[in-house]
N, C-alpha and C. Protein backbone atom coordinates (compact mmCIF):
# COMPACT_ATOMS: atom_id res chain seq x y z
N MET A 1 274.80 162.76 142.43
CA MET A 1 273.70 163.49 142.44
C MET A 1 272.34 162.36 142.15
N LYS A 2 272.57 161.51 141.37
CA LYS A 2 271.57 160.42 141.09
C LYS A 2 271.25 159.57 142.09
N LYS A 3 272.48 159.08 142.86
CA LYS A 3 272.31 158.13 144.20
C LYS A 3 271.76 159.12 144.94
N GLN A 4 272.16 160.24 145.42
CA GLN A 4 271.22 160.92 146.52
C GLN A 4 269.76 160.94 146.31
N ILE A 5 269.46 161.41 145.00
CA ILE A 5 268.07 161.07 144.78
C ILE A 5 267.19 160.06 144.80
N GLU A 6 267.92 158.64 144.38
CA GLU A 6 267.47 157.51 144.79
C GLU A 6 267.45 157.15 145.95
N ALA A 7 268.34 157.84 147.06
CA ALA A 7 268.36 157.46 148.24
C ALA A 7 267.19 158.31 149.12
N ASP A 8 267.07 159.59 148.63
CA ASP A 8 265.78 160.07 149.13
C ASP A 8 264.47 159.46 148.78
N ILE A 9 264.28 159.10 147.55
CA ILE A 9 263.18 158.36 147.11
C ILE A 9 262.91 157.20 147.94
N MET A 10 263.84 156.41 148.16
CA MET A 10 264.03 155.14 148.75
C MET A 10 263.38 155.28 150.38
N GLU A 11 264.15 156.46 150.93
CA GLU A 11 263.72 156.80 152.15
C GLU A 11 261.88 157.21 152.27
N GLU A 12 261.68 158.20 151.57
CA GLU A 12 260.30 158.43 151.42
C GLU A 12 259.26 157.26 151.25
N ILE A 13 259.80 156.27 150.54
CA ILE A 13 258.91 155.14 150.14
C ILE A 13 258.84 154.34 151.47
N ALA A 14 259.99 154.22 152.12
CA ALA A 14 260.06 153.37 153.45
C ALA A 14 258.94 154.32 154.44
N ARG A 15 258.89 155.58 154.37
CA ARG A 15 258.16 156.17 155.26
C ARG A 15 256.71 156.40 155.25
N ASN A 16 256.36 156.50 153.73
CA ASN A 16 255.20 156.73 153.43
C ASN A 16 254.33 155.66 152.51
N GLY A 17 255.21 154.88 151.90
CA GLY A 17 254.62 153.82 151.20
C GLY A 17 253.92 154.09 149.99
N ILE A 18 252.92 153.27 149.66
CA ILE A 18 252.22 153.36 148.51
C ILE A 18 251.82 154.85 148.07
N ASP A 19 251.49 155.55 149.10
CA ASP A 19 250.96 157.03 149.03
C ASP A 19 252.28 157.93 148.24
N PHE A 20 253.39 157.62 148.66
CA PHE A 20 254.41 158.27 148.06
C PHE A 20 254.43 158.11 146.67
N ILE A 21 254.34 156.72 146.16
CA ILE A 21 254.54 156.07 145.01
C ILE A 21 253.61 156.88 144.01
N ASN A 22 252.19 156.85 144.51
CA ASN A 22 251.07 157.32 144.02
C ASN A 22 251.36 159.06 143.46
N GLU A 23 252.06 159.69 144.56
CA GLU A 23 252.10 161.22 144.50
C GLU A 23 253.32 161.40 143.34
N ILE A 24 254.25 160.47 143.53
CA ILE A 24 255.43 160.69 142.38
C ILE A 24 254.94 160.48 141.12
N ASN A 25 253.81 159.38 140.65
CA ASN A 25 253.44 159.25 139.70
C ASN A 25 252.38 160.27 138.85
N LYS A 26 251.56 160.60 139.95
CA LYS A 26 250.87 161.87 139.76
C LYS A 26 251.62 163.10 139.22
N PHE A 27 252.67 163.38 140.00
CA PHE A 27 253.60 164.73 139.57
C PHE A 27 254.24 164.53 138.30
N ILE A 28 254.71 163.10 137.90
CA ILE A 28 255.41 162.95 136.50
C ILE A 28 254.17 163.36 135.34
N PHE A 29 252.65 162.76 135.67
CA PHE A 29 252.06 162.96 134.81
C PHE A 29 251.38 164.22 134.79
N GLU A 30 251.32 165.36 135.45
CA GLU A 30 251.13 166.35 135.42
C GLU A 30 251.99 167.01 134.59
N CYS A 31 253.32 166.57 134.64
CA CYS A 31 254.33 167.41 133.85
C CYS A 31 254.47 166.89 132.48
N SER A 32 253.76 165.71 132.14
CA SER A 32 253.94 165.13 131.05
C SER A 32 253.44 165.40 129.72
N LEU A 33 253.89 165.29 128.55
CA LEU A 33 253.24 165.80 127.23
C LEU A 33 252.10 164.87 127.22
N TRP A 34 251.93 163.94 127.68
CA TRP A 34 250.75 162.67 127.31
C TRP A 34 249.75 162.47 128.31
N ARG A 35 249.46 163.85 128.96
CA ARG A 35 248.73 163.72 130.43
C ARG A 35 247.17 163.43 129.78
N HIS A 36 246.87 163.83 128.67
CA HIS A 36 245.48 163.58 128.17
C HIS A 36 245.12 161.86 127.87
N ASN A 37 246.20 161.07 128.29
CA ASN A 37 246.06 159.75 128.31
C ASN A 37 246.00 159.07 129.46
N PRO A 38 244.82 158.63 130.23
CA PRO A 38 244.90 158.20 131.35
C PRO A 38 246.03 157.35 131.93
N VAL A 39 246.48 156.35 131.00
CA VAL A 39 247.34 155.26 131.29
C VAL A 39 248.77 156.06 131.96
N ALA A 40 248.82 157.15 131.20
CA ALA A 40 250.30 158.13 131.88
C ALA A 40 250.14 158.28 133.35
N CYS A 41 249.17 157.91 134.16
CA CYS A 41 249.22 158.00 135.57
C CYS A 41 248.47 156.72 136.41
N VAL A 42 249.39 155.84 136.39
CA VAL A 42 248.71 154.75 136.86
C VAL A 42 248.73 154.71 138.55
N LYS A 43 247.78 154.44 139.16
CA LYS A 43 247.63 154.68 140.45
C LYS A 43 247.54 153.01 141.15
N TRP A 44 248.11 153.00 142.40
CA TRP A 44 248.11 151.69 142.87
C TRP A 44 246.83 151.91 144.00
N VAL A 45 245.97 151.18 144.52
CA VAL A 45 244.64 151.28 145.38
C VAL A 45 244.64 149.76 145.62
N HIS A 46 244.24 149.65 147.07
CA HIS A 46 244.01 148.44 147.71
C HIS A 46 242.65 147.93 147.18
N ILE A 47 242.73 146.76 147.02
CA ILE A 47 241.48 146.08 146.24
C ILE A 47 240.38 146.01 146.98
N ASP A 48 240.18 146.68 147.95
CA ASP A 48 238.98 146.51 149.03
C ASP A 48 238.40 147.90 148.54
N LYS A 49 239.33 148.99 147.80
CA LYS A 49 238.83 150.15 147.53
C LYS A 49 238.34 150.21 146.10
N VAL A 50 238.21 148.94 145.72
CA VAL A 50 237.70 149.01 144.16
C VAL A 50 236.39 148.11 144.04
N GLU A 51 235.33 148.48 143.11
CA GLU A 51 234.14 147.54 142.92
C GLU A 51 234.01 147.33 141.44
N ALA A 52 233.20 146.48 141.26
CA ALA A 52 232.75 146.05 140.02
C ALA A 52 231.72 146.90 139.48
N ASN A 53 231.46 147.54 138.37
CA ASN A 53 230.17 148.02 137.75
C ASN A 53 229.10 147.00 137.73
N ASP A 54 227.69 147.45 137.53
CA ASP A 54 226.53 146.39 137.72
C ASP A 54 226.09 146.68 136.18
N TYR A 55 226.59 146.85 135.19
CA TYR A 55 226.01 146.98 133.75
C TYR A 55 226.97 146.06 132.72
N ASN A 56 228.11 145.65 133.08
CA ASN A 56 229.03 145.06 132.10
C ASN A 56 228.52 143.75 131.21
N PRO A 57 228.37 143.62 130.07
CA PRO A 57 227.72 142.25 129.40
C PRO A 57 228.55 141.59 128.92
N ASN A 58 229.98 141.73 129.16
CA ASN A 58 231.01 141.02 128.68
C ASN A 58 231.17 140.04 129.41
N ILE A 59 231.50 138.71 128.78
CA ILE A 59 231.44 137.32 129.44
C ILE A 59 233.02 137.01 129.13
N VAL A 60 233.59 135.86 130.28
CA VAL A 60 235.06 135.37 130.09
C VAL A 60 234.68 133.89 130.32
N ALA A 61 235.15 132.93 129.60
CA ALA A 61 234.96 131.58 130.22
C ALA A 61 236.05 131.21 131.24
N SER A 62 235.45 130.37 132.11
CA SER A 62 236.43 130.05 133.35
C SER A 62 237.91 129.67 132.80
N GLN A 63 238.30 128.86 131.68
CA GLN A 63 239.50 128.41 131.37
C GLN A 63 240.41 129.81 131.11
N GLU A 64 239.77 130.71 130.40
CA GLU A 64 240.45 132.11 130.22
C GLU A 64 240.58 132.97 131.47
N LEU A 65 240.02 132.80 132.42
CA LEU A 65 240.14 133.39 133.84
C LEU A 65 241.32 132.54 134.46
N LYS A 66 241.39 131.12 134.13
CA LYS A 66 242.59 130.77 134.64
C LYS A 66 244.04 131.18 134.14
N LEU A 67 243.61 131.26 132.83
CA LEU A 67 244.90 131.54 132.00
C LEU A 67 245.37 133.17 132.36
N LEU A 68 244.54 133.80 132.58
CA LEU A 68 244.43 135.38 133.03
C LEU A 68 245.24 135.29 134.35
N ALA A 69 245.01 134.56 135.31
CA ALA A 69 245.59 134.59 136.61
C ALA A 69 246.81 133.95 136.37
N ILE A 70 247.49 133.04 135.50
CA ILE A 70 248.78 132.27 135.34
C ILE A 70 249.49 133.66 134.52
N SER A 71 249.19 134.46 133.75
CA SER A 71 249.63 135.57 132.75
C SER A 71 250.06 136.35 133.81
N ILE A 72 249.12 136.84 135.00
CA ILE A 72 249.72 137.86 135.91
C ILE A 72 250.48 137.51 136.87
N ILE A 73 250.35 136.17 137.29
CA ILE A 73 251.58 135.56 138.25
C ILE A 73 252.87 135.64 137.57
N HIS A 74 253.03 135.13 136.35
CA HIS A 74 254.30 135.22 135.67
C HIS A 74 254.70 136.38 135.02
N ASP A 75 253.72 137.39 134.55
CA ASP A 75 254.23 138.61 133.76
C ASP A 75 253.95 139.88 134.69
N GLY A 76 253.18 139.75 135.67
CA GLY A 76 252.69 140.74 136.33
C GLY A 76 251.46 141.41 135.83
N TYR A 77 250.98 142.57 136.44
CA TYR A 77 249.93 143.19 135.47
C TYR A 77 250.56 144.16 134.43
N THR A 78 250.26 143.94 133.10
CA THR A 78 250.69 144.81 132.02
C THR A 78 249.75 145.76 131.52
N GLN A 79 248.33 145.79 132.15
CA GLN A 79 247.43 146.80 131.79
C GLN A 79 246.85 146.81 133.22
N PRO A 80 246.53 148.46 133.56
CA PRO A 80 245.88 148.79 134.60
C PRO A 80 244.47 148.56 134.34
N VAL A 81 243.83 148.57 135.65
CA VAL A 81 242.04 148.58 135.22
C VAL A 81 241.48 149.99 135.07
N VAL A 82 240.68 150.23 134.32
CA VAL A 82 240.26 151.57 134.04
C VAL A 82 238.93 151.68 134.98
N THR A 83 239.02 152.86 135.79
CA THR A 83 237.99 153.14 137.02
C THR A 83 237.40 154.85 136.99
N PHE A 84 236.17 154.77 137.38
CA PHE A 84 235.71 155.93 137.93
C PHE A 84 235.78 156.30 139.47
N TYR A 85 236.16 157.18 139.70
CA TYR A 85 236.09 157.62 141.25
C TYR A 85 234.96 157.99 141.88
N ASP A 86 234.42 157.49 142.60
CA ASP A 86 233.02 157.93 143.41
C ASP A 86 233.57 158.41 144.62
N LYS A 87 233.39 159.84 144.57
CA LYS A 87 233.98 160.64 145.81
C LYS A 87 233.03 160.31 147.05
N GLU A 88 231.76 160.29 146.78
CA GLU A 88 230.89 160.22 148.03
C GLU A 88 231.24 158.91 148.70
N ARG A 89 231.47 157.65 148.01
CA ARG A 89 231.69 156.53 148.65
C ARG A 89 232.93 156.25 148.87
N ASP A 90 234.15 156.92 148.18
CA ASP A 90 235.51 156.83 148.00
C ASP A 90 235.67 155.47 147.79
N LYS A 91 235.17 155.24 146.62
CA LYS A 91 235.12 153.87 145.84
C LYS A 91 235.73 154.08 144.56
N TYR A 92 236.80 153.06 143.83
CA TYR A 92 236.83 153.08 142.58
C TYR A 92 235.80 152.12 141.67
N ILE A 93 235.22 152.58 140.75
CA ILE A 93 234.54 151.61 140.12
C ILE A 93 234.93 151.41 138.82
N VAL A 94 234.90 149.91 138.44
CA VAL A 94 235.56 149.51 137.16
C VAL A 94 234.79 149.75 136.13
N VAL A 95 235.47 150.59 134.90
CA VAL A 95 235.00 150.60 133.76
C VAL A 95 235.30 149.76 132.74
N ASP A 96 236.71 149.44 132.67
CA ASP A 96 237.25 148.32 132.19
C ASP A 96 238.10 147.71 132.93
N GLY A 97 238.28 146.16 132.59
CA GLY A 97 239.26 145.23 133.40
C GLY A 97 238.88 144.50 134.35
N TYR A 98 237.50 144.37 134.30
CA TYR A 98 237.11 143.46 135.66
C TYR A 98 237.67 142.40 135.73
N HIS A 99 237.81 141.55 134.81
CA HIS A 99 238.50 140.20 135.09
C HIS A 99 240.09 140.32 135.43
N ARG A 100 240.75 141.51 135.37
CA ARG A 100 241.79 141.88 136.06
C ARG A 100 241.76 141.74 137.50
N TYR A 101 240.56 142.69 137.87
CA TYR A 101 240.19 142.92 139.21
C TYR A 101 239.63 141.95 139.89
N PHE A 102 238.88 140.72 139.16
CA PHE A 102 238.17 139.81 139.81
C PHE A 102 239.41 138.83 139.90
N VAL A 103 240.49 138.50 138.96
CA VAL A 103 241.52 137.55 139.57
C VAL A 103 242.09 137.72 140.65
N MET A 104 242.57 139.29 141.09
CA MET A 104 243.13 139.73 142.37
C MET A 104 242.05 139.41 143.52
N LYS A 105 240.93 139.74 143.29
CA LYS A 105 239.84 139.34 144.31
C LYS A 105 239.77 137.92 144.58
N THR A 106 239.99 137.16 143.70
CA THR A 106 239.71 135.65 143.95
C THR A 106 240.99 134.81 144.24
N ASN A 107 242.15 135.20 143.72
CA ASN A 107 243.21 134.58 143.77
C ASN A 107 244.24 134.75 144.51
N PRO A 108 244.46 134.20 145.82
CA PRO A 108 245.44 134.65 146.84
C PRO A 108 246.78 134.77 146.22
N GLU A 109 247.45 134.08 145.44
CA GLU A 109 248.79 133.91 144.92
C GLU A 109 248.72 135.40 144.37
N VAL A 110 247.70 135.70 143.27
CA VAL A 110 247.86 137.30 142.68
C VAL A 110 247.95 138.19 143.68
N ALA A 111 247.06 138.26 144.70
CA ALA A 111 246.92 139.41 145.66
C ALA A 111 248.02 139.14 146.66
N LYS A 112 248.94 138.11 147.17
CA LYS A 112 250.02 138.12 147.87
C LYS A 112 251.07 138.89 146.98
N LEU A 113 251.23 138.50 145.59
CA LEU A 113 252.40 139.02 144.95
C LEU A 113 252.34 140.50 144.95
N ASN A 114 250.83 141.29 144.96
CA ASN A 114 250.88 142.79 144.66
C ASN A 114 250.42 143.23 145.93
N GLN A 115 250.58 142.66 147.14
CA GLN A 115 250.22 143.21 148.54
C GLN A 115 248.90 143.65 148.34
N ASN A 116 247.81 142.93 147.51
CA ASN A 116 246.46 143.46 147.39
C ASN A 116 246.29 144.72 146.82
N TYR A 117 247.09 145.45 146.18
CA TYR A 117 246.95 146.53 145.31
C TYR A 117 247.04 146.46 143.96
N LEU A 118 245.85 146.97 143.39
CA LEU A 118 245.46 146.70 142.01
C LEU A 118 245.90 147.96 141.27
N PRO A 119 246.64 147.91 140.16
CA PRO A 119 246.96 149.11 139.19
C PRO A 119 245.90 149.80 138.44
N ILE A 120 245.65 150.90 138.57
CA ILE A 120 244.30 151.48 137.98
C ILE A 120 244.56 152.88 137.41
N VAL A 121 243.99 153.27 136.38
CA VAL A 121 243.92 154.59 136.01
C VAL A 121 242.49 154.99 136.21
N ILE A 122 242.34 156.34 136.14
CA ILE A 122 240.89 156.70 136.37
C ILE A 122 240.42 157.81 135.17
N ILE A 123 239.12 157.53 134.82
CA ILE A 123 238.70 158.42 133.77
C ILE A 123 237.35 159.16 134.64
N ASP A 124 237.03 160.59 134.00
CA ASP A 124 235.99 161.08 134.90
C ASP A 124 234.70 161.63 134.03
N LYS A 125 233.78 160.52 133.69
CA LYS A 125 232.91 160.83 133.03
C LYS A 125 231.23 160.16 133.70
N ASP A 126 230.20 160.64 132.96
CA ASP A 126 228.84 160.42 133.82
C ASP A 126 228.52 158.75 133.48
N ILE A 127 227.67 158.55 133.86
CA ILE A 127 227.08 156.96 133.72
C ILE A 127 226.89 156.53 132.27
N ASN A 128 226.46 157.35 131.51
CA ASN A 128 226.31 156.83 129.93
C ASN A 128 227.64 156.68 129.32
N ASN A 129 228.41 157.71 129.50
CA ASN A 129 229.70 157.77 128.82
C ASN A 129 230.59 156.38 129.24
N ARG A 130 230.33 156.28 130.74
CA ARG A 130 231.42 155.03 131.19
C ARG A 130 230.81 153.84 130.67
N MET A 131 229.39 154.03 130.49
CA MET A 131 229.05 152.46 129.93
C MET A 131 229.58 152.52 128.31
N ALA A 132 229.65 153.52 127.66
CA ALA A 132 229.92 153.36 126.34
C ALA A 132 231.66 152.97 126.32
N SER A 133 232.27 153.66 127.20
CA SER A 133 233.55 153.22 127.30
C SER A 133 233.83 151.82 127.62
N THR A 134 233.10 151.11 128.50
CA THR A 134 233.18 149.64 128.96
C THR A 134 232.94 149.03 127.41
N ILE A 135 231.82 149.32 126.55
CA ILE A 135 231.69 148.64 125.57
C ILE A 135 232.35 148.73 124.41
N ARG A 136 233.18 149.97 124.30
CA ARG A 136 234.30 150.17 123.41
C ARG A 136 235.34 149.19 123.64
N HIS A 137 235.68 149.21 124.70
CA HIS A 137 236.93 148.44 124.94
C HIS A 137 236.38 146.68 125.08
N ASN A 138 235.27 146.19 125.41
CA ASN A 138 234.60 144.93 125.06
C ASN A 138 234.58 144.43 123.95
N ARG A 139 234.25 145.55 122.96
CA ARG A 139 233.87 145.04 121.55
C ARG A 139 235.03 144.87 120.79
N ALA A 140 236.18 145.41 121.02
CA ALA A 140 237.47 145.27 120.44
C ALA A 140 237.90 143.76 120.57
N ARG A 141 237.55 143.26 121.93
CA ARG A 141 238.13 142.13 122.30
C ARG A 141 237.43 140.52 122.79
N GLY A 142 235.98 141.04 123.23
CA GLY A 142 235.42 140.05 124.05
C GLY A 142 234.01 139.95 123.39
N LYS A 143 233.17 139.32 124.25
CA LYS A 143 232.02 138.80 123.90
C LYS A 143 231.01 139.59 124.81
N HIS A 144 229.72 139.42 124.37
CA HIS A 144 228.58 140.05 125.09
C HIS A 144 227.43 139.15 125.15
N THR A 145 226.87 139.16 126.13
CA THR A 145 225.50 138.42 126.02
C THR A 145 224.40 139.57 125.52
N ILE A 146 223.81 139.09 124.68
CA ILE A 146 222.46 139.85 123.98
C ILE A 146 221.70 140.42 125.04
N THR A 147 221.43 139.90 126.16
CA THR A 147 220.15 140.53 127.24
C THR A 147 221.12 141.59 127.75
N GLY A 148 222.42 141.44 128.23
CA GLY A 148 223.06 142.48 128.90
C GLY A 148 223.14 143.45 127.97
N MET A 149 223.55 143.34 126.63
CA MET A 149 223.68 144.58 125.74
C MET A 149 222.35 145.43 125.56
N SER A 150 221.02 144.44 125.70
CA SER A 150 220.04 145.17 125.35
C SER A 150 219.51 145.94 126.43
N GLN A 151 219.96 145.59 127.48
CA GLN A 151 219.56 146.19 129.28
C GLN A 151 220.43 147.41 129.01
N LEU A 152 221.76 147.27 128.67
CA LEU A 152 222.57 148.49 128.54
C LEU A 152 221.93 149.71 127.79
N VAL A 153 221.61 149.08 126.62
CA VAL A 153 220.96 150.23 125.62
C VAL A 153 219.67 151.05 126.20
N TYR A 154 218.67 150.07 126.84
CA TYR A 154 217.58 150.63 127.35
C TYR A 154 218.01 151.53 128.53
N ASN A 155 219.15 151.13 129.40
CA ASN A 155 219.55 152.12 130.26
C ASN A 155 219.82 153.37 129.54
N MET A 156 220.55 153.35 128.58
CA MET A 156 221.16 154.60 127.79
C MET A 156 220.02 155.42 127.37
N VAL A 157 219.07 154.72 126.69
CA VAL A 157 217.82 155.54 126.18
C VAL A 157 216.95 156.30 127.30
N GLN A 158 216.72 155.55 128.52
CA GLN A 158 216.16 156.06 129.79
C GLN A 158 217.11 157.34 130.35
N ASN A 159 218.33 157.32 130.29
CA ASN A 159 219.37 158.44 130.59
C ASN A 159 219.27 159.56 129.84
N GLY A 160 218.53 159.57 128.30
CA GLY A 160 218.51 160.76 127.46
C GLY A 160 219.36 160.64 126.30
N TRP A 161 220.01 159.56 126.02
CA TRP A 161 220.68 159.33 124.56
C TRP A 161 219.64 159.04 123.76
N ASP A 162 219.86 159.60 122.32
CA ASP A 162 219.11 158.82 121.38
C ASP A 162 219.73 158.01 120.46
N ASP A 163 219.11 157.84 119.51
CA ASP A 163 219.70 156.52 118.53
C ASP A 163 221.02 156.88 118.17
N MET A 164 221.08 157.88 117.50
CA MET A 164 222.32 158.36 116.84
C MET A 164 223.42 158.24 117.61
N LYS A 165 223.32 159.13 118.87
CA LYS A 165 224.17 159.19 120.08
C LYS A 165 224.75 157.59 120.29
N ILE A 166 223.80 156.76 120.67
CA ILE A 166 224.10 155.34 121.10
C ILE A 166 224.86 154.71 120.10
N CYS A 167 224.48 154.79 118.67
CA CYS A 167 225.49 154.24 117.61
C CYS A 167 226.68 154.67 117.56
N MET A 168 226.94 156.11 117.59
CA MET A 168 228.19 156.59 117.52
C MET A 168 229.14 156.33 118.66
N GLU A 169 228.42 156.00 119.76
CA GLU A 169 229.46 156.10 121.13
C GLU A 169 229.82 154.67 121.19
N LEU A 170 228.81 153.62 120.77
CA LEU A 170 229.08 152.28 120.96
C LEU A 170 229.52 151.51 119.71
N GLY A 171 229.67 152.17 118.40
CA GLY A 171 230.15 151.59 117.47
C GLY A 171 229.13 150.69 116.89
N LEU A 172 228.00 151.05 116.98
CA LEU A 172 226.90 149.86 116.68
C LEU A 172 226.49 150.62 115.42
N GLU A 173 226.05 149.65 114.42
CA GLU A 173 225.34 149.62 113.23
C GLU A 173 223.74 150.02 113.70
N PRO A 174 223.08 151.18 112.86
CA PRO A 174 221.88 151.13 113.39
C PRO A 174 220.69 149.84 113.46
N ASP A 175 221.01 149.30 112.47
CA ASP A 175 220.06 147.74 112.30
C ASP A 175 220.37 147.13 113.78
N GLU A 176 221.79 146.90 114.24
CA GLU A 176 222.26 146.38 115.56
C GLU A 176 221.51 146.64 116.74
N LEU A 177 221.36 148.21 116.52
CA LEU A 177 220.52 148.96 117.81
C LEU A 177 219.14 148.44 117.56
N LEU A 178 218.59 148.59 116.52
CA LEU A 178 217.18 148.31 116.59
C LEU A 178 216.95 146.88 117.22
N ARG A 179 217.78 145.74 116.83
CA ARG A 179 217.50 144.20 117.03
C ARG A 179 217.67 144.12 118.49
N LEU A 180 218.64 145.16 119.20
CA LEU A 180 218.89 145.07 120.68
C LEU A 180 217.60 145.58 121.27
N LYS A 181 217.10 146.78 120.67
CA LYS A 181 215.93 147.06 121.38
C LYS A 181 214.58 146.16 121.30
N HIS A 182 214.50 145.56 120.44
CA HIS A 182 213.59 144.42 120.12
C HIS A 182 213.58 143.20 120.98
N VAL A 183 215.03 142.95 121.34
CA VAL A 183 215.15 141.61 122.07
C VAL A 183 214.73 142.38 123.42
N THR A 184 214.76 143.46 124.18
CA THR A 184 214.23 144.17 125.47
C THR A 184 212.91 143.56 125.52
N GLY A 185 211.86 143.69 124.43
CA GLY A 185 210.62 143.49 124.47
C GLY A 185 209.90 144.92 125.08
N ILE A 186 210.58 145.84 125.46
CA ILE A 186 209.72 147.17 126.14
C ILE A 186 209.55 148.10 125.11
N ALA A 187 208.47 148.23 125.04
CA ALA A 187 207.84 149.00 124.18
C ALA A 187 208.27 150.42 124.29
N THR A 188 208.56 151.05 125.39
CA THR A 188 208.97 152.56 125.58
C THR A 188 210.25 152.66 124.83
N LEU A 189 210.85 151.76 124.42
CA LEU A 189 212.13 152.10 123.70
C LEU A 189 211.90 152.74 122.23
N PHE A 190 210.72 152.36 121.97
CA PHE A 190 210.36 152.97 120.59
C PHE A 190 209.56 154.39 120.76
N LYS A 191 209.12 154.54 121.71
CA LYS A 191 208.24 155.74 121.89
C LYS A 191 207.07 156.11 121.10
N ASP A 192 206.43 154.89 120.78
CA ASP A 192 204.97 154.73 120.19
C ASP A 192 205.20 154.64 118.69
N LYS A 193 206.37 154.02 118.41
CA LYS A 193 206.58 154.04 116.88
C LYS A 193 206.44 152.56 116.53
N ASP A 194 205.84 152.40 115.34
CA ASP A 194 205.42 150.91 114.96
C ASP A 194 206.86 150.08 114.51
N PHE A 195 207.01 148.85 114.37
CA PHE A 195 208.34 148.32 113.94
C PHE A 195 208.61 148.65 112.52
N ASN A 196 207.65 148.93 111.54
CA ASN A 196 208.17 149.28 110.04
C ASN A 196 208.77 150.95 109.99
N LYS A 197 208.09 151.64 111.09
CA LYS A 197 208.83 152.97 111.02
C LYS A 197 210.03 152.95 111.92
N SER A 198 210.35 152.14 112.82
CA SER A 198 211.73 151.94 113.11
C SER A 198 213.08 151.54 112.22
N TRP A 199 212.24 150.81 111.46
CA TRP A 199 213.42 150.16 110.03
C TRP A 199 213.53 151.29 109.35
N GLU A 200 212.43 152.11 109.24
CA GLU A 200 212.80 153.31 108.29
C GLU A 200 213.83 154.33 108.84
N GLU A 201 213.88 154.15 110.26
CA GLU A 201 214.71 155.36 110.90
C GLU A 201 215.99 154.77 111.13
N VAL A 202 216.25 153.57 110.78
CA VAL A 202 217.43 152.92 110.62
C VAL A 202 218.22 153.67 109.67
N TYR A 203 217.74 153.59 108.53
CA TYR A 203 218.19 154.20 107.33
C TYR A 203 218.52 155.85 107.27
N GLN A 204 217.94 156.30 108.00
CA GLN A 204 218.03 157.95 108.25
C GLN A 204 219.23 158.20 108.96
N ILE A 205 219.23 157.22 110.14
CA ILE A 205 220.36 157.36 111.20
C ILE A 205 221.75 157.00 110.17
N LYS A 206 221.81 156.17 109.56
CA LYS A 206 222.69 155.80 108.81
C LYS A 206 223.47 157.17 108.06
N GLU A 207 222.41 157.54 107.19
CA GLU A 207 222.69 158.78 106.37
C GLU A 207 223.27 159.74 107.33
N ARG A 208 222.92 160.05 108.43
CA ARG A 208 223.28 161.12 109.32
C ARG A 208 224.63 160.81 110.04
N MET A 209 224.78 159.42 110.52
CA MET A 209 226.12 159.26 110.50
C MET A 209 227.33 159.35 109.38
N LYS A 210 226.91 159.15 108.25
CA LYS A 210 228.06 159.42 107.36
C LYS A 210 228.25 160.70 107.24
N ASP A 211 227.15 161.63 107.44
CA ASP A 211 227.55 163.18 107.35
C ASP A 211 228.26 163.38 108.57
N VAL A 212 228.37 163.07 109.54
CA VAL A 212 229.24 163.44 110.81
C VAL A 212 230.39 162.78 110.43
N THR A 213 230.63 161.51 110.10
CA THR A 213 231.91 161.15 109.92
C THR A 213 232.63 161.58 109.01
N THR A 214 232.12 162.31 107.74
CA THR A 214 232.95 162.79 106.60
C THR A 214 233.12 164.15 106.89
N LYS A 215 232.79 164.95 108.19
CA LYS A 215 232.98 166.24 108.21
C LYS A 215 234.21 166.43 108.90
């Protein structure tokens, strides 16, 4: 029975290639007890259908990129790239894993080893929540440029998130957020509030955050 199933699967792979593998993974995912985890459904997508986002403030040194390429060459991809699927453009936008994407995009050996297919998982979130997801991933392991973080905070404010929401979603202390706002030099972030008033609100936000986390 097992051998027949293996033979049938191999025949379908030979006939339909990567599409069949992705369908099998999707079927297993839908039957899984862990389908609330995106990693339970890894999809293989051609690198040309994947794009970087335009807001990630994380930076990695060139030497670390070289080491990442060596790691992928020797160990393969051990983590998928987190993406958002843009249906209108039929593109997968990187939320986390830009450097894993970049290595395949620029390293011929990595691309050849994987036939130009990148392992991805998909999350379905609006732009503010995607930016928040990126920052949560980055803050656990990487570095940010201050200007990049400040611009991202500015975008979130413009998209309707208040200070408490930004602090809760990005894991920021209120005073960190205030400093990032001042780095931008953009007065609209304070909505006509003076500097001292902004610092007073830092402590109010901290108290509100305590209430939320203890409930």
